[in-house]
Protein backbone atom coordinates (compact mmCIF):
# COMPACT_ATOMS: atom_id res chain seq x y z
CA MET A 1 -44.97 14.35 -46.59
CA SER A 2 -43.65 16.06 -43.54
CA PRO A 3 -39.56 15.32 -43.52
CA ALA A 4 -38.09 12.18 -40.73
CA ARG A 5 -37.50 14.49 -37.39
CA ARG A 6 -33.92 13.63 -35.92
CA PRO A 7 -33.90 12.68 -32.21
CA ARG A 8 -32.96 15.81 -29.65
CA ARG A 9 -29.45 15.46 -28.16
CA ALA A 10 -28.87 16.52 -24.30
CA ARG A 11 -27.42 19.22 -24.36
CA PRO A 12 -23.82 18.96 -22.57
CA GLY A 13 -24.23 20.05 -19.25
CA PRO A 14 -21.47 22.06 -16.71
CA PRO A 15 -18.45 19.49 -16.69
CA ALA A 16 -19.07 17.10 -13.29
CA ARG A 17 -17.37 17.80 -10.32
CA ARG A 18 -15.26 16.35 -8.67
CA PRO A 19 -15.21 16.32 -4.71
CA ARG A 20 -13.10 18.18 -2.87
CA PRO A 21 -9.93 16.88 -0.64
CA ALA A 22 -9.90 16.70 3.09
CA PRO A 23 -8.52 19.44 4.58
CA LEU A 24 -4.44 18.58 5.46
CA ALA A 25 -5.29 19.14 9.10
CA ALA A 26 -7.81 16.25 9.04
CA GLU A 27 -5.57 13.70 7.63
CA ARG A 28 -3.56 14.40 11.15
CA GLY A 29 -4.37 12.71 13.60
CA ASP A 30 -3.98 9.11 12.31
CA VAL A 31 -0.05 10.35 12.49
CA PRO A 32 0.58 8.37 15.99
CA GLY A 33 -1.03 5.63 15.19
CA TRP A 34 0.97 4.71 11.96
CA VAL A 35 3.65 6.02 14.24
CA LEU A 36 2.90 3.43 17.42
CA VAL A 37 2.64 0.87 14.50
CA THR A 38 6.11 1.40 12.29
CA LEU A 39 7.99 1.36 16.45
CA MET A 40 6.29 -1.95 17.28
CA THR A 41 7.18 -3.78 14.13
CA ALA A 42 10.77 -2.77 14.02
CA GLY A 43 10.76 -3.78 17.68
CA LEU A 44 9.31 -6.84 16.77
CA VAL A 45 11.82 -7.07 14.30
CA VAL A 46 14.93 -6.70 16.14
CA ALA A 47 12.88 -9.15 19.18
CA LEU A 48 13.18 -11.95 16.70
CA TRP A 49 16.44 -11.00 15.04
CA ALA A 50 18.01 -11.14 19.21
CA VAL A 51 16.08 -15.10 19.38
CA ALA A 52 16.30 -16.25 16.03
CA GLY A 53 19.28 -14.66 14.56
CA PRO A 54 21.71 -17.40 14.50
CA ALA A 55 19.23 -19.44 13.44
CA LEU A 56 18.60 -17.95 10.53
CA THR A 57 22.28 -17.59 9.61
CA ARG A 58 22.58 -20.74 9.75
CA VAL A 59 19.81 -22.26 8.04
CA PHE A 60 20.25 -19.30 5.50
CA LEU A 61 24.25 -20.98 4.63
CA ASP A 62 22.41 -24.10 4.26
CA ALA A 63 20.14 -23.30 1.79
CA ILE A 64 22.89 -21.52 -0.55
CA ALA A 65 25.82 -24.40 -0.08
CA LYS A 66 22.63 -27.16 -1.38
CA VAL A 67 21.98 -24.80 -4.06
CA THR A 68 26.02 -23.79 -4.84
CA GLY A 69 26.92 -27.31 -4.53
CA ALA A 70 29.58 -26.76 -1.85
CA ILE A 71 27.61 -30.16 0.44
């Protein structure tokens, strides 16, 4: 009678390699894009605030007055 054979275990291989990050020079190409988006967003906020500022202030003050019971 032969002894029961144990299944062979797989040998651990080298650790999995992580992909290398892209060089920083490759990431610099999109800087003008996000700068443009940021400036355009700031411009829209300023334009909307100039046009609708008094109305937004009035709506805010009315809402606060209703919550605090001043009305």
